[in-house]
Amino acid sequence: MKKNSKGQSTIEFILTFTTTVGFIFLFLKMAMNYTNGYMVQHAVFMASRGYLVHDSQVGDVTTEGEVSRDATADRHAKSIFDKYLPNGLIKGFTGVLTLNDPENQSRLNLFVGAFVEFEQVFSMGIIGGKDKMLFRAESFLGREPTRFETYVQICESFKAVIGSGDCKVDVTLDDNGG
């Protein structure tokens, strides 16, 4: 007795087609996540660069009411971040630029720069789920001391060696190489 196999190719096609389309959408969403991550990473890097080069010798008032030498650099970095990452580019972007201020003594800042943490859905549908994933983009660059910071450090060194002084005179040490 011969079994009827009509419709077997249709069932195989439907199963293969849905699996293939599911993987295509999964990889498409993963590609969108990578693209969003690269855009945020570039915006954070540019903000970090702007933060490090925008130095002020005088103190400025922060949003918390404290006086910080880097308050203007904070505002400058956040404006650069907003410029490079427009709100409409990534749907549902909730990340906030956070800066590691070297003058902040409340936490140990080994690195100077910026970072952003934001959440996005990993996948669009059944494959991969709809759970949110935490993404983090960070850019920490080495910070050279400014001329003003160097001046203060040299002044403090002179005070420690000499024992007194007011640092109102610029003094340059000369090393003759001997």
C-alpha atoms as a PDB file:
ATOM      1  CA  MET A   1       0.000   0.000   0.000  1.00  0.00           C
ATOM      2  CA  LYS A   2       1.404   3.355  -1.057  1.00  0.00           C
ATOM      3  CA  LYS A   3       1.053   6.374   1.301  1.00  0.00           C
ATOM      4  CA  ASN A   4      -0.144   9.677  -0.051  1.00  0.00           C
ATOM      5  CA  SER A   5       2.653  12.271   0.088  1.00  0.00           C
ATOM      6  CA  LYS A   6       0.798  15.141  -1.482  1.00  0.00           C
ATOM      7  CA  GLY A   7       1.565  18.431   0.239  1.00  0.00           C
ATOM      8  CA  GLN A   8       4.882  17.281   1.734  1.00  0.00           C
ATOM      9  CA  SER A   9       6.880  19.740  -0.384  1.00  0.00           C
ATOM     10  CA  THR A  10       4.501  22.543   0.607  1.00  0.00           C
ATOM     11  CA  ILE A  11       5.002  21.822   4.313  1.00  0.00           C
ATOM     12  CA  GLU A  12       8.779  21.633   3.854  1.00  0.00           C
ATOM     13  CA  PHE A  13       8.734  24.928   1.949  1.00  0.00           C
ATOM     14  CA  ILE A  14       6.664  26.669   4.630  1.00  0.00           C
ATOM     15  CA  LEU A  15       8.927  25.422   7.453  1.00  0.00           C
ATOM     16  CA  THR A  16      12.114  26.341   5.592  1.00  0.00           C
ATOM     17  CA  PHE A  17      10.750  29.706   4.478  1.00  0.00           C
ATOM     18  CA  THR A  18       9.617  30.767   7.978  1.00  0.00           C
ATOM     19  CA  THR A  19      12.927  29.672   9.513  1.00  0.00           C
ATOM     20  CA  THR A  20      14.905  31.546   6.858  1.00  0.00           C
ATOM     21  CA  VAL A  21      12.809  34.687   7.175  1.00  0.00           C
ATOM     22  CA  GLY A  22      13.125  34.489  10.984  1.00  0.00           C
ATOM     23  CA  PHE A  23      16.927  34.319  10.751  1.00  0.00           C
ATOM     24  CA  ILE A  24      16.983  37.170   8.240  1.00  0.00           C
ATOM     25  CA  PHE A  25      15.011  39.398  10.630  1.00  0.00           C
ATOM     26  CA  LEU A  26      17.198  38.303  13.574  1.00  0.00           C
ATOM     27  CA  PHE A  27      20.391  39.208  11.741  1.00  0.00           C
ATOM     28  CA  LEU A  28      18.842  42.417  10.448  1.00  0.00           C
ATOM     29  CA  LYS A  29      18.002  43.526  13.999  1.00  0.00           C
ATOM     30  CA  MET A  30      21.469  42.499  15.194  1.00  0.00           C
ATOM     31  CA  ALA A  31      22.970  44.592  12.377  1.00  0.00           C
ATOM     32  CA  MET A  32      20.821  47.543  13.475  1.00  0.00           C
ATOM     33  CA  ASN A  33      22.039  47.075  17.074  1.00  0.00           C
ATOM     34  CA  TYR A  34      25.657  47.064  15.887  1.00  0.00           C
ATOM     35  CA  THR A  35      25.058  50.161  13.757  1.00  0.00           C
ATOM     36  CA  ASN A  36      23.411  51.982  16.666  1.00  0.00           C
ATOM     37  CA  GLY A  37      26.286  50.938  18.905  1.00  0.00           C
ATOM     38  CA  TYR A  38      28.850  52.306  16.460  1.00  0.00           C
ATOM     39  CA  MET A  39      26.951  55.599  16.145  1.00  0.00           C
ATOM     40  CA  VAL A  40      26.766  55.977  19.927  1.00  0.00           C
ATOM     41  CA  GLN A  41      30.440  54.976  20.275  1.00  0.00           C
ATOM     42  CA  HIS A  42      31.473  57.653  17.766  1.00  0.00           C
ATOM     43  CA  ALA A  43      29.361  60.296  19.509  1.00  0.00           C
ATOM     44  CA  VAL A  44      30.863  59.350  22.897  1.00  0.00           C
ATOM     45  CA  PHE A  45      34.394  59.440  21.460  1.00  0.00           C
ATOM     46  CA  MET A  46      33.856  62.893  19.975  1.00  0.00           C
ATOM     47  CA  ALA A  47      32.320  64.127  23.248  1.00  0.00           C
ATOM     48  CA  SER A  48      35.256  62.696  25.189  1.00  0.00           C
ATOM     49  CA  ARG A  49      37.720  64.479  22.902  1.00  0.00           C
ATOM     50  CA  GLY A  50      35.790  67.717  23.290  1.00  0.00           C
ATOM     51  CA  TYR A  51      35.782  67.285  27.071  1.00  0.00           C
ATOM     52  CA  LEU A  52      39.523  66.734  27.238  1.00  0.00           C
ATOM     53  CA  VAL A  53      40.549  69.667  25.058  1.00  0.00           C
ATOM     54  CA  HIS A  54      38.043  72.200  26.400  1.00  0.00           C
ATOM     55  CA  ASP A  55      39.983  73.279  29.438  1.00  0.00           C
ATOM     56  CA  SER A  56      39.411  76.335  31.567  1.00  0.00           C
ATOM     57  CA  GLN A  57      41.786  77.818  34.116  1.00  0.00           C
ATOM     58  CA  VAL A  58      39.015  79.365  36.143  1.00  0.00           C
ATOM     59  CA  GLY A  59      36.253  77.671  38.045  1.00  0.00           C
ATOM     60  CA  ASP A  60      32.679  77.576  36.809  1.00  0.00           C
ATOM     61  CA  VAL A  61      29.462  76.622  38.570  1.00  0.00           C
ATOM     62  CA  THR A  62      28.120  73.132  37.780  1.00  0.00           C
ATOM     63  CA  THR A  63      24.457  72.172  37.573  1.00  0.00           C
ATOM     64  CA  GLU A  64      24.732  70.878  41.156  1.00  0.00           C
ATOM     65  CA  GLY A  65      25.938  74.303  42.356  1.00  0.00           C
ATOM     66  CA  GLU A  66      29.550  73.256  42.929  1.00  0.00           C
ATOM     67  CA  VAL A  67      32.522  75.145  41.522  1.00  0.00           C
ATOM     68  CA  SER A  68      34.515  73.044  39.091  1.00  0.00           C
ATOM     69  CA  ARG A  69      37.219  73.868  36.596  1.00  0.00           C
ATOM     70  CA  ASP A  70      35.667  71.378  34.176  1.00  0.00           C
ATOM     71  CA  ALA A  71      32.038  72.589  34.259  1.00  0.00           C
ATOM     72  CA  THR A  72      32.382  74.359  30.913  1.00  0.00           C
ATOM     73  CA  ALA A  73      34.052  71.259  29.481  1.00  0.00           C
ATOM     74  CA  ASP A  74      31.057  69.196  30.697  1.00  0.00           C
ATOM     75  CA  ARG A  75      28.615  71.426  28.865  1.00  0.00           C
ATOM     76  CA  HIS A  76      30.818  71.462  25.766  1.00  0.00           C
ATOM     77  CA  ALA A  77      31.069  67.643  25.703  1.00  0.00           C
ATOM     78  CA  LYS A  78      27.317  67.200  26.130  1.00  0.00           C
ATOM     79  CA  SER A  79      26.609  69.613  23.283  1.00  0.00           C
ATOM     80  CA  ILE A  80      29.018  67.681  21.040  1.00  0.00           C
ATOM     81  CA  PHE A  81      27.334  64.409  22.015  1.00  0.00           C
ATOM     82  CA  ASP A  82      23.922  65.838  21.143  1.00  0.00           C
ATOM     83  CA  LYS A  83      25.285  67.140  17.846  1.00  0.00           C
ATOM     84  CA  TYR A  84      26.701  63.786  16.769  1.00  0.00           C
ATOM     85  CA  LEU A  85      23.741  61.735  18.009  1.00  0.00           C
ATOM     86  CA  PRO A  86      20.465  63.404  17.033  1.00  0.00           C
ATOM     87  CA  ASN A  87      17.429  62.168  18.930  1.00  0.00           C
ATOM     88  CA  GLY A  88      15.613  60.887  15.838  1.00  0.00           C
ATOM     89  CA  LEU A  89      18.469  58.656  14.712  1.00  0.00           C
ATOM     90  CA  ILE A  90      17.970  55.867  17.252  1.00  0.00           C
ATOM     91  CA  LYS A  91      14.369  55.129  18.142  1.00  0.00           C
ATOM     92  CA  GLY A  92      13.803  55.067  21.901  1.00  0.00           C
ATOM     93  CA  PHE A  93      17.356  56.108  22.843  1.00  0.00           C
ATOM     94  CA  THR A  94      17.483  56.707  26.603  1.00  0.00           C
ATOM     95  CA  GLY A  95      21.221  57.025  27.213  1.00  0.00           C
ATOM     96  CA  VAL A  96      22.702  59.917  29.144  1.00  0.00           C
ATOM     97  CA  LEU A  97      26.297  61.018  28.690  1.00  0.00           C
ATOM     98  CA  THR A  98      28.267  60.581  31.918  1.00  0.00           C
ATOM     99  CA  LEU A  99      31.683  62.173  32.341  1.00  0.00           C
ATOM    100  CA  ASN A 100      34.472  61.108  34.669  1.00  0.00           C
ATOM    101  CA  ASP A 101      35.632  64.374  36.168  1.00  0.00           C
ATOM    102  CA  PRO A 102      39.241  64.171  37.384  1.00  0.00           C
ATOM    103  CA  GLU A 103      38.491  66.720  40.123  1.00  0.00           C
ATOM    104  CA  ASN A 104      35.663  64.650  41.614  1.00  0.00           C
ATOM    105  CA  GLN A 105      37.036  63.240  44.855  1.00  0.00           C
ATOM    106  CA  SER A 106      33.874  61.310  45.783  1.00  0.00           C
ATOM    107  CA  ARG A 107      34.946  58.372  43.603  1.00  0.00           C
ATOM    108  CA  LEU A 108      38.286  57.182  42.339  1.00  0.00           C
ATOM    109  CA  ASN A 109      38.586  58.198  38.697  1.00  0.00           C
ATOM    110  CA  LEU A 110      41.437  56.269  37.177  1.00  0.00           C
ATOM    111  CA  PHE A 111      40.382  57.289  33.694  1.00  0.00           C
ATOM    112  CA  VAL A 112      39.149  60.546  32.214  1.00  0.00           C
ATOM    113  CA  GLY A 113      36.502  60.496  29.529  1.00  0.00           C
ATOM    114  CA  ALA A 114      32.873  59.729  28.898  1.00  0.00           C
ATOM    115  CA  PHE A 115      30.483  56.800  28.745  1.00  0.00           C
ATOM    116  CA  VAL A 116      26.837  56.101  27.935  1.00  0.00           C
ATOM    117  CA  GLU A 117      24.670  53.180  28.979  1.00  0.00           C
ATOM    118  CA  PHE A 118      21.459  52.537  27.062  1.00  0.00           C
ATOM    119  CA  GLU A 119      18.983  49.718  26.533  1.00  0.00           C
ATOM    120  CA  GLN A 120      17.643  48.297  23.307  1.00  0.00           C
ATOM    121  CA  VAL A 121      15.528  45.294  22.398  1.00  0.00           C
ATOM    122  CA  PHE A 122      17.752  42.498  21.117  1.00  0.00           C
ATOM    123  CA  SER A 123      15.395  41.089  18.527  1.00  0.00           C
ATOM    124  CA  MET A 124      12.187  41.914  16.689  1.00  0.00           C
ATOM    125  CA  GLY A 125      10.153  38.847  17.348  1.00  0.00           C
ATOM    126  CA  ILE A 126       9.947  35.217  18.316  1.00  0.00           C
ATOM    127  CA  ILE A 127      13.593  34.380  17.627  1.00  0.00           C
ATOM    128  CA  GLY A 128      15.777  36.034  20.247  1.00  0.00           C
ATOM    129  CA  GLY A 129      12.930  37.326  22.400  1.00  0.00           C
ATOM    130  CA  LYS A 130      11.971  40.882  23.204  1.00  0.00           C
ATOM    131  CA  ASP A 131      14.129  41.327  26.284  1.00  0.00           C
ATOM    132  CA  LYS A 132      16.098  44.540  26.529  1.00  0.00           C
ATOM    133  CA  MET A 133      19.863  44.387  26.535  1.00  0.00           C
ATOM    134  CA  LEU A 134      22.152  46.873  28.239  1.00  0.00           C
ATOM    135  CA  PHE A 135      24.661  48.467  25.875  1.00  0.00           C
ATOM    136  CA  ARG A 136      27.613  50.559  27.008  1.00  0.00           C
ATOM    137  CA  ALA A 137      29.761  52.850  24.894  1.00  0.00           C
ATOM    138  CA  GLU A 138      32.787  54.402  26.518  1.00  0.00           C
ATOM    139  CA  SER A 139      35.784  56.461  25.543  1.00  0.00           C
ATOM    140  CA  PHE A 140      38.540  57.087  28.036  1.00  0.00           C
ATOM    141  CA  LEU A 141      41.529  59.049  26.793  1.00  0.00           C
ATOM    142  CA  GLY A 142      44.748  60.054  28.489  1.00  0.00           C
ATOM    143  CA  ARG A 143      44.698  63.570  29.811  1.00  0.00           C
ATOM    144  CA  GLU A 144      47.822  65.680  29.817  1.00  0.00           C
ATOM    145  CA  PRO A 145      48.085  68.285  32.541  1.00  0.00           C
ATOM    146  CA  THR A 146      47.330  71.809  31.370  1.00  0.00           C
ATOM    147  CA  ARG A 147      49.788  74.661  31.766  1.00  0.00           C
ATOM    148  CA  PHE A 148      47.776  75.913  34.716  1.00  0.00           C
ATOM    149  CA  GLU A 149      47.845  72.497  36.449  1.00  0.00           C
ATOM    150  CA  THR A 150      51.592  72.282  35.805  1.00  0.00           C
ATOM    151  CA  TYR A 151      52.050  75.781  37.220  1.00  0.00           C
ATOM    152  CA  VAL A 152      50.164  74.855  40.392  1.00  0.00           C
ATOM    153  CA  GLN A 153      52.111  71.600  40.813  1.00  0.00           C
ATOM    154  CA  ILE A 154      55.468  73.367  40.365  1.00  0.00           C
ATOM    155  CA  CYS A 155      54.409  76.089  42.785  1.00  0.00           C
ATOM    156  CA  GLU A 156      53.431  73.486  45.403  1.00  0.00           C
ATOM    157  CA  SER A 157      56.771  71.723  44.875  1.00  0.00           C
ATOM    158  CA  PHE A 158      58.677  74.976  45.394  1.00  0.00           C
ATOM    159  CA  LYS A 159      56.698  75.657  48.547  1.00  0.00           C
ATOM    160  CA  ALA A 160      57.533  72.196  49.854  1.00  0.00           C
ATOM    161  CA  VAL A 161      61.263  72.536  49.100  1.00  0.00           C
ATOM    162  CA  ILE A 162      61.754  76.187  50.033  1.00  0.00           C
ATOM    163  CA  GLY A 163      59.213  76.223  52.810  1.00  0.00           C
ATOM    164  CA  SER A 164      57.465  79.428  51.821  1.00  0.00           C
ATOM    165  CA  GLY A 165      56.481  81.493  48.826  1.00  0.00           C
ATOM    166  CA  ASP A 166      53.437  82.881  47.170  1.00  0.00           C
ATOM    167  CA  CYS A 167      54.016  81.790  43.543  1.00  0.00           C
ATOM    168  CA  LYS A 168      53.341  85.246  42.152  1.00  0.00           C
ATOM    169  CA  VAL A 169      56.540  85.088  40.086  1.00  0.00           C
ATOM    170  CA  ASP A 170      57.031  82.669  37.224  1.00  0.00           C
ATOM    171  CA  VAL A 171      60.312  80.867  37.666  1.00  0.00           C
ATOM    172  CA  THR A 172      61.811  78.542  35.098  1.00  0.00           C
ATOM    173  CA  LEU A 173      64.345  75.957  36.085  1.00  0.00           C
ATOM    174  CA  ASP A 174      67.188  75.531  33.641  1.00  0.00           C
ATOM    175  CA  ASP A 175      68.974  72.265  33.173  1.00  0.00           C
ATOM    176  CA  ASN A 176      72.310  72.631  31.460  1.00  0.00           C
ATOM    177  CA  GLY A 177      72.524  68.895  30.858  1.00  0.00           C
ATOM    178  CA  GLY A 178      75.467  68.415  33.233  1.00  0.00           C
END
